[in-house]
């Protein structure tokens, strides 16, 4: 796969084979931090974590 034609989704520099789809470990870590910090979201109804935990506990 030719990664030079695609860009890093964080900084838009050329991708690196080692860190695809990112250009570096720094951009890879920045992207992960965005997920952890609620910088990204998946569309859907809000969910109460307590309800999920109780449902999983009841099924187990």
PDB file of N, CA and C in Angstrom:
ATOM      1  N   UNK A   1       0.843  -1.183   0.000  1.00  0.00           N
ATOM      2  CA  UNK A   1       0.000   0.000   0.000  1.00  0.00           C
ATOM      3  C   UNK A   1       0.879   1.234   0.000  1.00  0.00           C
ATOM      4  N   UNK A   2       0.573   2.177  -0.819  1.00  0.00           N
ATOM      5  CA  UNK A   2       1.347   3.403  -0.904  1.00  0.00           C
ATOM      6  C   UNK A   2       0.792   4.414   0.094  1.00  0.00           C
ATOM      7  N   UNK A   3       1.521   4.596   1.194  1.00  0.00           N
ATOM      8  CA  UNK A   3       1.037   5.505   2.234  1.00  0.00           C
ATOM      9  C   UNK A   3       1.426   6.950   1.978  1.00  0.00           C
ATOM     10  N   UNK A   4       2.296   7.200   1.005  1.00  0.00           N
ATOM     11  CA  UNK A   4       2.755   8.570   0.765  1.00  0.00           C
ATOM     12  C   UNK A   4       1.656   9.452   0.169  1.00  0.00           C
ATOM     13  N   UNK A   5       0.680   8.865  -0.523  1.00  0.00           N
ATOM     14  CA  UNK A   5      -0.375   9.672  -1.123  1.00  0.00           C
ATOM     15  C   UNK A   5      -1.475  10.033  -0.128  1.00  0.00           C
ATOM     16  N   UNK A   6      -1.547   9.326   0.991  1.00  0.00           N
ATOM     17  CA  UNK A   6      -2.560   9.613   2.003  1.00  0.00           C
ATOM     18  C   UNK A   6      -1.943  10.468   3.103  1.00  0.00           C
ATOM     19  N   UNK A   7      -2.800  11.209   3.782  1.00  0.00           N
ATOM     20  CA  UNK A   7      -2.329  12.146   4.797  1.00  0.00           C
ATOM     21  C   UNK A   7      -2.723  11.706   6.197  1.00  0.00           C
ATOM     22  N   UNK A   8      -1.945  12.129   7.159  1.00  0.00           N
ATOM     23  CA  UNK A   8      -2.227  11.892   8.570  1.00  0.00           C
ATOM     24  C   UNK A   8      -3.526  12.620   8.922  1.00  0.00           C
ATOM     25  N   UNK A   9      -4.477  11.950   9.582  1.00  0.00           N
ATOM     26  CA  UNK A   9      -5.742  12.612   9.907  1.00  0.00           C
ATOM     27  C   UNK A   9      -5.605  13.708  10.967  1.00  0.00           C
ATOM     28  N   UNK A  10      -4.497  13.756  11.682  1.00  0.00           N
ATOM     29  CA  UNK A  10      -4.306  14.759  12.735  1.00  0.00           C
ATOM     30  C   UNK A  10      -3.629  16.010  12.198  1.00  0.00           C
ATOM     31  N   UNK A  11      -2.476  15.849  11.534  1.00  0.00           N
ATOM     32  CA  UNK A  11      -1.696  17.022  11.107  1.00  0.00           C
ATOM     33  C   UNK A  11      -1.605  17.203   9.591  1.00  0.00           C
ATOM     34  N   UNK A  12      -2.099  16.223   8.846  1.00  0.00           N
ATOM     35  CA  UNK A  12      -2.137  16.264   7.375  1.00  0.00           C
ATOM     36  C   UNK A  12      -0.785  16.081   6.703  1.00  0.00           C
ATOM     37  N   UNK A  13       0.233  15.657   7.444  1.00  0.00           N
ATOM     38  CA  UNK A  13       1.512  15.314   6.813  1.00  0.00           C
ATOM     39  C   UNK A  13       1.410  13.923   6.200  1.00  0.00           C
ATOM     40  N   UNK A  14       2.413  13.511   5.451  1.00  0.00           N
ATOM     41  CA  UNK A  14       2.425  12.182   4.843  1.00  0.00           C
ATOM     42  C   UNK A  14       2.439  11.105   5.919  1.00  0.00           C
ATOM     43  N   UNK A  15       1.724  10.024   5.662  1.00  0.00           N
ATOM     44  CA  UNK A  15       1.659   8.911   6.612  1.00  0.00           C
ATOM     45  C   UNK A  15       2.982   8.175   6.699  1.00  0.00           C
ATOM     46  N   UNK A  16       3.174   7.505   7.810  1.00  0.00           N
ATOM     47  CA  UNK A  16       4.345   6.670   8.030  1.00  0.00           C
ATOM     48  C   UNK A  16       3.911   5.212   8.010  1.00  0.00           C
ATOM     49  N   UNK A  17       4.686   4.328   7.420  1.00  0.00           N
ATOM     50  CA  UNK A  17       4.385   2.897   7.418  1.00  0.00           C
ATOM     51  C   UNK A  17       4.255   2.378   8.850  1.00  0.00           C
ATOM     52  N   UNK A  18       5.129   2.832   9.707  1.00  0.00           N
ATOM     53  CA  UNK A  18       5.166   2.343  11.088  1.00  0.00           C
ATOM     54  C   UNK A  18       3.933   2.764  11.897  1.00  0.00           C
ATOM     55  N   UNK A  19       3.402   3.963  11.635  1.00  0.00           N
ATOM     56  CA  UNK A  19       2.307   4.499  12.445  1.00  0.00           C
ATOM     57  C   UNK A  19       1.006   4.694  11.657  1.00  0.00           C
ATOM     58  N   UNK A  20       0.856   4.043  10.529  1.00  0.00           N
ATOM     59  CA  UNK A  20      -0.334   4.195   9.695  1.00  0.00           C
ATOM     60  C   UNK A  20      -1.593   4.027  10.521  1.00  0.00           C
ATOM     61  N   UNK A  21      -2.546   4.919  10.386  1.00  0.00           N
ATOM     62  CA  UNK A  21      -2.719   5.967   9.384  1.00  0.00           C
ATOM     63  C   UNK A  21      -2.118   7.308   9.787  1.00  0.00           C
ATOM     64  N   UNK A  22      -1.272   7.332  10.795  1.00  0.00           N
ATOM     65  CA  UNK A  22      -0.685   8.583  11.274  1.00  0.00           C
ATOM     66  C   UNK A  22       0.728   8.733  10.747  1.00  0.00           C
ATOM     67  N   UNK A  23       1.305   9.922  10.976  1.00  0.00           N
ATOM     68  CA  UNK A  23       2.665  10.174  10.505  1.00  0.00           C
ATOM     69  C   UNK A  23       3.707   9.884  11.581  1.00  0.00           C
ATOM     70  N   UNK A  24       3.271   9.869  12.847  1.00  0.00           N
ATOM     71  CA  UNK A  24       4.225   9.683  13.939  1.00  0.00           C
ATOM     72  C   UNK A  24       3.512   9.169  15.182  1.00  0.00           C
ATOM     73  N   UNK A  25       4.295   8.752  16.158  1.00  0.00           N
ATOM     74  CA  UNK A  25       3.743   8.312  17.439  1.00  0.00           C
ATOM     75  C   UNK A  25       3.022   9.475  18.115  1.00  0.00           C
ATOM     76  N   UNK A  26       3.539  10.667  17.961  1.00  0.00           N
ATOM     77  CA  UNK A  26       2.913  11.845  18.571  1.00  0.00           C
ATOM     78  C   UNK A  26       1.477  12.023  18.071  1.00  0.00           C
ATOM     79  N   UNK A  27       1.265  11.960  16.763  1.00  0.00           N
ATOM     80  CA  UNK A  27      -0.082  12.116  16.215  1.00  0.00           C
ATOM     81  C   UNK A  27      -0.972  10.941  16.609  1.00  0.00           C
ATOM     82  N   UNK A  28      -0.398   9.752  16.656  1.00  0.00           N
ATOM     83  CA  UNK A  28      -1.155   8.583  17.098  1.00  0.00           C
ATOM     84  C   UNK A  28      -1.636   8.780  18.535  1.00  0.00           C
ATOM     85  N   UNK A  29      -0.751   9.263  19.405  1.00  0.00           N
ATOM     86  CA  UNK A  29      -1.104   9.510  20.804  1.00  0.00           C
ATOM     87  C   UNK A  29      -2.103  10.665  20.942  1.00  0.00           C
ATOM     88  N   UNK A  30      -1.966  11.695  20.127  1.00  0.00           N
ATOM     89  CA  UNK A  30      -2.920  12.820  20.172  1.00  0.00           C
ATOM     90  C   UNK A  30      -4.324  12.346  19.807  1.00  0.00           C
ATOM     91  N   UNK A  31      -4.409  11.473  18.812  1.00  0.00           N
ATOM     92  CA  UNK A  31      -5.705  10.941  18.400  1.00  0.00           C
ATOM     93  C   UNK A  31      -6.322  10.108  19.528  1.00  0.00           C
ATOM     94  N   UNK A  32      -5.530   9.270  20.172  1.00  0.00           N
ATOM     95  CA  UNK A  32      -6.012   8.462  21.287  1.00  0.00           C
ATOM     96  C   UNK A  32      -6.484   9.346  22.437  1.00  0.00           C
ATOM     97  N   UNK A  33      -5.752  10.410  22.709  1.00  0.00           N
ATOM     98  CA  UNK A  33      -6.140  11.343  23.779  1.00  0.00           C
ATOM     99  C   UNK A  33      -7.480  12.012  23.463  1.00  0.00           C
ATOM    100  N   UNK A  34      -7.738  12.287  22.191  1.00  0.00           N
ATOM    101  CA  UNK A  34      -9.033  12.861  21.811  1.00  0.00           C
ATOM    102  C   UNK A  34     -10.167  11.897  22.123  1.00  0.00           C
ATOM    103  N   UNK A  35      -9.963  10.605  21.871  1.00  0.00           N
ATOM    104  CA  UNK A  35     -10.998   9.618  22.192  1.00  0.00           C
ATOM    105  C   UNK A  35     -11.214   9.563  23.701  1.00  0.00           C
ATOM    106  N   UNK A  36     -10.141   9.527  24.466  1.00  0.00           N
ATOM    107  CA  UNK A  36     -10.258   9.454  25.926  1.00  0.00           C
ATOM    108  C   UNK A  36     -10.896  10.701  26.506  1.00  0.00           C
ATOM    109  N   UNK A  37     -10.647  11.852  25.894  1.00  0.00           N
ATOM    110  CA  UNK A  37     -11.158  13.114  26.414  1.00  0.00           C
ATOM    111  C   UNK A  37     -12.488  13.530  25.821  1.00  0.00           C
ATOM    112  N   UNK A  38     -13.201  12.609  25.185  1.00  0.00           N
ATOM    113  CA  UNK A  38     -14.493  12.892  24.555  1.00  0.00           C
ATOM    114  C   UNK A  38     -14.393  13.910  23.431  1.00  0.00           C
ATOM    115  N   UNK A  39     -13.235  13.978  22.771  1.00  0.00           N
ATOM    116  CA  UNK A  39     -13.081  14.856  21.618  1.00  0.00           C
ATOM    117  C   UNK A  39     -13.779  14.300  20.393  1.00  0.00           C
ATOM    118  N   UNK A  40     -13.985  12.988  20.376  1.00  0.00           N
ATOM    119  CA  UNK A  40     -14.738  12.327  19.318  1.00  0.00           C
ATOM    120  C   UNK A  40     -15.966  11.704  19.964  1.00  0.00           C
ATOM    121  N   UNK A  41     -16.967  11.475  19.163  1.00  0.00           N
ATOM    122  CA  UNK A  41     -18.147  10.789  19.694  1.00  0.00           C
ATOM    123  C   UNK A  41     -18.806   9.988  18.584  1.00  0.00           C
ATOM    124  N   UNK A  42     -19.555   9.001  18.980  1.00  0.00           N
ATOM    125  CA  UNK A  42     -20.317   8.181  18.061  1.00  0.00           C
ATOM    126  C   UNK A  42     -21.774   8.612  18.216  1.00  0.00           C
ATOM    127  N   UNK A  43     -22.472   8.895  17.117  1.00  0.00           N
ATOM    128  CA  UNK A  43     -23.848   9.370  17.236  1.00  0.00           C
ATOM    129  C   UNK A  43     -24.750   8.322  17.893  1.00  0.00           C
ATOM    130  N   UNK A  44     -25.673   8.805  18.675  1.00  0.00           N
ATOM    131  CA  UNK A  44     -26.637   7.926  19.333  1.00  0.00           C
ATOM    132  C   UNK A  44     -27.223   8.603  20.551  1.00  0.00           C
ATOM    133  N   UNK A  45     -28.170   7.929  21.166  1.00  0.00           N
ATOM    134  CA  UNK A  45     -28.789   8.455  22.374  1.00  0.00           C
ATOM    135  C   UNK A  45     -27.812   8.379  23.542  1.00  0.00           C
ATOM    136  N   UNK A  46     -27.850   9.354  24.446  1.00  0.00           N
ATOM    137  CA  UNK A  46     -26.998   9.287  25.631  1.00  0.00           C
ATOM    138  C   UNK A  46     -27.340   8.046  26.459  1.00  0.00           C
ATOM    139  N   UNK A  47     -26.315   7.456  27.065  1.00  0.00           N
ATOM    140  CA  UNK A  47     -26.491   6.243  27.850  1.00  0.00           C
ATOM    141  C   UNK A  47     -25.963   6.482  29.256  1.00  0.00           C
ATOM    142  N   UNK A  48     -26.687   5.990  30.228  1.00  0.00           N
ATOM    143  CA  UNK A  48     -26.251   6.060  31.615  1.00  0.00           C
ATOM    144  C   UNK A  48     -25.354   4.850  31.898  1.00  0.00           C
ATOM    145  N   UNK A  49     -24.089   5.047  32.246  1.00  0.00           N
ATOM    146  CA  UNK A  49     -23.184   3.926  32.505  1.00  0.00           C
ATOM    147  C   UNK A  49     -23.688   2.977  33.598  1.00  0.00           C
ATOM    148  N   UNK A  50     -24.418   3.503  34.568  1.00  0.00           N
ATOM    149  CA  UNK A  50     -24.950   2.651  35.633  1.00  0.00           C
ATOM    150  C   UNK A  50     -25.961   1.643  35.083  1.00  0.00           C
ATOM    151  N   UNK A  51     -26.788   2.067  34.124  1.00  0.00           N
ATOM    152  CA  UNK A  51     -27.767   1.159  33.530  1.00  0.00           C
ATOM    153  C   UNK A  51     -27.078   0.037  32.765  1.00  0.00           C
ATOM    154  N   UNK A  52     -26.008   0.359  32.068  1.00  0.00           N
ATOM    155  CA  UNK A  52     -25.261  -0.658  31.327  1.00  0.00           C
ATOM    156  C   UNK A  52     -24.659  -1.657  32.301  1.00  0.00           C
ATOM    157  N   UNK A  53     -24.061  -1.166  33.382  1.00  0.00           N
ATOM    158  CA  UNK A  53     -23.419  -2.049  34.343  1.00  0.00           C
ATOM    159  C   UNK A  53     -24.441  -2.987  34.986  1.00  0.00           C
ATOM    160  N   UNK A  54     -25.613  -2.484  35.334  1.00  0.00           N
ATOM    161  CA  UNK A  54     -26.637  -3.321  35.955  1.00  0.00           C
ATOM    162  C   UNK A  54     -27.168  -4.355  34.976  1.00  0.00           C
ATOM    163  N   UNK A  55     -27.332  -3.958  33.722  1.00  0.00           N
ATOM    164  CA  UNK A  55     -27.828  -4.891  32.705  1.00  0.00           C
ATOM    165  C   UNK A  55     -26.824  -6.022  32.508  1.00  0.00           C
ATOM    166  N   UNK A  56     -25.539  -5.684  32.371  1.00  0.00           N
ATOM    167  CA  UNK A  56     -24.504  -6.707  32.211  1.00  0.00           C
ATOM    168  C   UNK A  56     -24.421  -7.612  33.425  1.00  0.00           C
ATOM    169  N   UNK A  57     -24.593  -7.056  34.609  1.00  0.00           N
ATOM    170  CA  UNK A  57     -24.508  -7.839  35.844  1.00  0.00           C
ATOM    171  C   UNK A  57     -25.677  -8.830  35.923  1.00  0.00           C
ATOM    172  N   UNK A  58     -26.880  -8.377  35.522  1.00  0.00           N
ATOM    173  CA  UNK A  58     -28.050  -9.242  35.567  1.00  0.00           C
ATOM    174  C   UNK A  58     -27.951 -10.400  34.570  1.00  0.00           C
ATOM    175  N   UNK A  59     -27.330 -10.151  33.418  1.00  0.00           N
ATOM    176  CA  UNK A  59     -27.197 -11.203  32.408  1.00  0.00           C
ATOM    177  C   UNK A  59     -26.146 -12.234  32.784  1.00  0.00           C
ATOM    178  N   UNK A  60     -25.174 -11.848  33.600  1.00  0.00           N
ATOM    179  CA  UNK A  60     -24.079 -12.766  33.972  1.00  0.00           C
ATOM    180  C   UNK A  60     -24.473 -13.700  35.051  1.00  0.00           C
TER     181      UNK A  60
END
